[in-house]
Amino acid sequence: MKRKRALLLLVAYGFSATLAVFLGLVERRSLMVTFVSFHLLVCLLVPLLHGLWEEKLSVQWKRAWIPFDREGMSYGLAIGAMLMTGVMTGAWLLIDGGVIDASHVRHTLMKWGVTPGWLLPFSLYLVIVNSLLEELLWRGFVLERLLHALARPAAVLVSGFFYCLYHLIVGVILFGLLWGVLITALVFGTGLMWGWMKGLFPSIYTTWLSHLMADLGIVLVLHLWVY
């Protein structure tokens, strides 16, 4: 019974991330509201309160950062470079081929608050803060606790599902239904890869660096071909 309650609680956390993004982007049409509701309330507050409730917060925090894994960092940088290249190549092909309308993406982002003057702060936040908080939440807090209730393959699948779910909202709004679903499927696959990598390299450096470089690819696309 305790195991089932813990699993249901983690599922609720997973859906709360999607609800936070829906509130910010669909209801309020504001990235600021999205960042507060998703990053502050879900990515930071939920693990903090849950960790205090478990009385294991300091232990979990040390486990995320120690040991400093040089081999893991090398793998993270290598895989991140491939992801960044893939993101930029795919975006260039879709935009240059007229499949994705860069002006629509720019107009939507500007409605959400990413004006040209805010593009650089938004870029830095997305690359550094967003990548860190998402890894701490999905490959750290959620995945580690799912492993207490599920086998690793199932835990990686569940955490990957909730990780990609709110990306579906962003993808459909920016790119339309078909490409939004396809891009979300790629995000799901990437989430599964990061979940697998977490089993090989338990500290955060590997997946964070990989995620950081993937987000860097997105930011470079915005600067080069969207804005």
Protein backbone atom coordinates (compact mmCIF):
# COMPACT_ATOMS: atom_id res chain seq x y z
CA MET A 1 0.00 0.00 0.00
CA LYS A 2 2.81 2.40 0.85
CA ARG A 3 4.47 1.65 -2.47
CA LYS A 4 1.22 2.37 -4.35
CA ARG A 5 0.73 5.67 -2.51
CA ALA A 6 4.27 6.73 -3.36
CA LEU A 7 3.74 5.84 -7.03
CA LEU A 8 0.46 7.75 -7.20
CA LEU A 9 2.12 10.77 -5.61
CA LEU A 10 4.88 10.74 -8.22
CA VAL A 11 2.30 10.46 -11.02
CA ALA A 12 0.54 13.50 -9.55
CA TYR A 13 3.86 15.36 -9.58
CA GLY A 14 4.30 14.40 -13.23
CA PHE A 15 0.91 15.76 -14.25
CA SER A 16 1.47 18.91 -12.19
CA ALA A 17 4.35 19.85 -14.51
CA THR A 18 2.08 19.70 -17.55
CA LEU A 19 -0.65 21.64 -15.76
CA ALA A 20 1.89 24.34 -14.81
CA VAL A 21 3.02 24.73 -18.44
CA PHE A 22 -0.61 24.71 -19.66
CA LEU A 23 -1.48 27.45 -17.17
CA GLY A 24 1.46 29.59 -18.21
CA LEU A 25 1.39 29.21 -21.98
CA VAL A 26 -2.24 28.49 -22.86
CA GLU A 27 -4.18 30.28 -20.14
CA ARG A 28 -1.89 33.20 -19.34
CA ARG A 29 0.29 33.26 -22.50
CA SER A 30 3.31 34.29 -20.47
CA LEU A 31 6.71 32.67 -20.15
CA MET A 32 7.18 34.47 -16.85
CA VAL A 33 4.09 32.78 -15.41
CA THR A 34 5.29 29.49 -16.90
CA PHE A 35 8.71 29.79 -15.32
CA VAL A 36 7.23 30.63 -11.93
CA SER A 37 4.59 27.87 -11.98
CA PHE A 38 6.82 25.19 -13.52
CA HIS A 39 10.36 25.95 -12.39
CA LEU A 40 9.68 27.52 -9.02
CA LEU A 41 6.63 25.59 -7.83
CA VAL A 42 7.10 22.19 -9.51
CA CYS A 43 10.86 21.82 -10.12
CA LEU A 44 12.01 23.44 -6.87
CA LEU A 45 9.20 23.53 -4.32
CA VAL A 46 7.83 20.01 -4.85
CA PRO A 47 11.21 18.21 -4.42
CA LEU A 48 12.12 20.51 -1.53
CA LEU A 49 8.93 19.85 0.43
CA HIS A 50 8.95 16.14 -0.43
CA GLY A 51 12.60 15.86 0.62
CA LEU A 52 11.89 17.59 3.92
CA TRP A 53 8.92 15.27 4.45
CA GLU A 54 11.14 12.23 3.83
CA GLU A 55 13.91 13.79 5.96
CA LYS A 56 16.41 12.83 3.24
CA LEU A 57 16.91 16.18 1.49
CA SER A 58 20.61 16.60 2.27
CA VAL A 59 21.36 12.98 1.34
CA GLN A 60 19.60 13.30 -2.02
CA TRP A 61 21.31 16.61 -2.74
CA LYS A 62 24.79 15.18 -2.09
CA ARG A 63 23.99 12.15 -4.22
CA ALA A 64 23.15 14.44 -7.15
CA TRP A 65 26.54 16.20 -7.11
CA ILE A 66 29.01 13.78 -5.54
CA PRO A 67 31.25 12.33 -6.84
CA PHE A 68 32.49 14.78 -9.46
CA ASP A 69 32.43 12.48 -12.49
CA ARG A 70 34.99 13.39 -15.17
CA GLU A 71 34.17 10.39 -17.36
CA GLY A 72 30.48 11.20 -17.12
CA MET A 73 31.16 14.80 -18.10
CA SER A 74 33.04 13.60 -21.20
CA TYR A 75 30.10 11.42 -22.23
CA GLY A 76 27.68 14.27 -21.52
CA LEU A 77 29.63 16.70 -23.68
CA ALA A 78 29.96 14.22 -26.53
CA ILE A 79 26.28 13.27 -26.56
CA GLY A 80 25.30 16.90 -26.02
CA ALA A 81 27.34 17.94 -29.07
CA MET A 82 25.49 15.36 -31.16
CA LEU A 83 22.13 16.53 -29.86
CA MET A 84 22.98 20.19 -30.50
CA THR A 85 24.07 19.35 -34.05
CA GLY A 86 20.91 17.35 -34.62
CA VAL A 87 18.66 20.12 -33.30
CA MET A 88 20.30 22.78 -35.46
CA THR A 89 20.44 20.63 -38.59
CA GLY A 90 16.83 19.52 -38.27
CA ALA A 91 15.58 23.04 -37.56
CA TRP A 92 17.51 24.49 -40.52
CA LEU A 93 16.12 21.85 -42.89
CA LEU A 94 12.54 22.40 -41.69
CA ILE A 95 12.74 26.19 -41.77
CA ASP A 96 14.61 26.37 -45.07
CA GLY A 97 12.17 23.92 -46.62
CA GLY A 98 9.18 25.96 -45.48
CA VAL A 99 7.85 23.16 -43.28
CA ILE A 100 8.12 25.33 -40.16
CA ASP A 101 7.16 29.00 -40.32
CA ALA A 102 9.89 30.92 -38.47
CA SER A 103 7.76 34.08 -38.42
CA HIS A 104 4.95 32.22 -36.63
CA VAL A 105 7.39 30.89 -34.04
CA ARG A 106 8.84 34.37 -33.51
CA HIS A 107 5.39 35.97 -33.27
CA THR A 108 4.23 33.37 -30.73
CA LEU A 109 7.34 33.75 -28.59
CA MET A 110 6.97 37.53 -28.65
CA LYS A 111 3.36 37.17 -27.45
CA TRP A 112 4.72 35.09 -24.58
CA GLY A 113 7.14 37.88 -23.69
CA VAL A 114 10.33 36.94 -25.57
CA THR A 115 10.85 40.23 -27.39
CA PRO A 116 14.20 40.85 -29.15
CA GLY A 117 15.39 42.77 -26.08
CA TRP A 118 14.64 39.78 -23.84
CA LEU A 119 16.03 37.13 -26.19
CA LEU A 120 19.51 37.02 -24.60
CA PRO A 121 18.29 36.75 -20.95
CA PHE A 122 15.74 34.15 -22.07
CA SER A 123 18.49 32.22 -23.87
CA LEU A 124 20.80 32.16 -20.85
CA TYR A 125 17.93 31.10 -18.59
CA LEU A 126 16.83 28.32 -20.94
CA VAL A 127 20.33 26.92 -21.43
CA ILE A 128 21.59 27.05 -17.83
CA VAL A 129 18.63 27.17 -15.44
CA ASN A 130 16.01 25.21 -17.37
CA SER A 131 18.38 22.34 -18.19
CA LEU A 132 19.53 22.09 -14.57
CA LEU A 133 16.08 22.20 -12.99
CA GLU A 134 14.60 19.70 -15.45
CA GLU A 135 17.42 17.24 -14.80
CA LEU A 136 17.13 17.64 -11.03
CA LEU A 137 13.39 16.98 -11.28
CA TRP A 138 13.06 14.21 -13.88
CA ARG A 139 16.34 12.28 -13.78
CA GLY A 140 16.92 13.14 -10.15
CA PHE A 141 13.88 13.47 -7.93
CA VAL A 142 11.23 11.62 -9.97
CA LEU A 143 13.31 8.82 -11.51
CA GLU A 144 15.15 8.00 -8.28
CA ARG A 145 11.88 7.58 -6.40
CA LEU A 146 10.19 5.64 -9.20
CA LEU A 147 13.00 3.11 -8.87
CA HIS A 148 11.71 2.28 -5.40
CA ALA A 149 8.38 1.19 -6.90
CA LEU A 150 9.23 0.02 -10.43
CA ALA A 151 11.92 -1.84 -12.33
CA ARG A 152 14.43 0.49 -14.01
CA PRO A 153 13.05 0.13 -17.59
CA ALA A 154 9.52 0.96 -16.38
CA ALA A 155 10.78 3.83 -14.21
CA VAL A 156 12.70 5.32 -17.14
CA LEU A 157 9.59 5.00 -19.37
CA VAL A 158 7.31 6.69 -16.83
CA SER A 159 9.69 9.56 -16.10
CA GLY A 160 10.33 9.99 -19.84
CA PHE A 161 6.60 10.13 -20.52
CA PHE A 162 5.96 12.91 -18.03
CA TYR A 163 9.08 14.74 -19.20
CA CYS A 164 7.84 14.84 -22.81
CA LEU A 165 4.16 15.45 -22.00
CA TYR A 166 4.37 19.20 -21.45
CA HIS A 167 6.69 19.55 -24.44
CA LEU A 168 3.68 18.46 -26.50
CA ILE A 169 1.91 21.69 -25.54
CA VAL A 170 4.86 23.81 -26.65
CA GLY A 171 5.40 21.78 -29.82
CA VAL A 172 1.79 21.92 -31.03
CA ILE A 173 1.48 25.67 -30.38
CA LEU A 174 4.74 26.51 -32.16
CA PHE A 175 4.81 23.93 -34.96
CA GLY A 176 1.28 22.60 -35.45
CA LEU A 177 -0.21 19.23 -34.54
CA LEU A 178 1.77 16.91 -36.82
CA TRP A 179 5.23 18.35 -36.23
CA GLY A 180 4.43 19.06 -32.59
CA VAL A 181 3.71 15.36 -32.05
CA LEU A 182 6.79 14.26 -34.02
CA ILE A 183 9.09 16.63 -32.13
CA THR A 184 7.57 15.48 -28.83
CA ALA A 185 8.33 11.88 -29.82
CA LEU A 186 11.97 12.90 -30.29
CA VAL A 187 11.91 14.57 -26.86
CA PHE A 188 10.52 11.34 -25.40
CA GLY A 189 13.33 9.34 -26.98
CA THR A 190 15.90 11.79 -25.67
CA GLY A 191 14.38 11.55 -22.19
CA LEU A 192 14.70 7.76 -22.33
CA MET A 193 18.34 8.10 -23.31
CA TRP A 194 19.02 10.46 -20.40
CA GLY A 195 17.23 8.08 -18.04
CA TRP A 196 19.48 5.25 -19.25
CA MET A 197 22.56 7.47 -18.88
CA LYS A 198 21.52 8.27 -15.30
CA GLY A 199 21.86 4.59 -14.47
CA LEU A 200 25.43 4.56 -15.78
CA PHE A 201 26.48 7.90 -14.28
CA PRO A 202 24.46 8.60 -11.10
CA SER A 203 25.64 12.19 -10.48
CA ILE A 204 24.02 15.00 -12.41
CA TYR A 205 26.92 16.14 -14.58
CA THR A 206 26.40 13.74 -17.49
CA THR A 207 22.73 14.39 -18.19
CA TRP A 208 22.91 18.08 -17.29
CA LEU A 209 25.74 18.84 -19.72
CA SER A 210 24.01 16.83 -22.43
CA HIS A 211 20.71 18.64 -21.78
CA LEU A 212 22.46 22.02 -21.60
CA MET A 213 23.98 21.57 -25.05
CA ALA A 214 20.68 20.40 -26.55
CA ASP A 215 19.03 23.58 -25.21
CA LEU A 216 21.98 25.57 -26.58
CA GLY A 217 21.11 24.19 -30.01
CA ILE A 218 17.54 25.49 -29.62
CA VAL A 219 18.82 28.90 -28.56
CA LEU A 220 21.20 29.12 -31.52
CA VAL A 221 18.32 28.32 -33.86
CA LEU A 222 16.35 31.23 -32.38
CA HIS A 223 19.25 33.62 -32.79
CA LEU A 224 20.28 32.50 -36.28
CA TRP A 225 17.03 31.78 -38.10
CA VAL A 226 13.99 32.84 -36.06
CA TYR A 227 14.84 36.31 -34.70
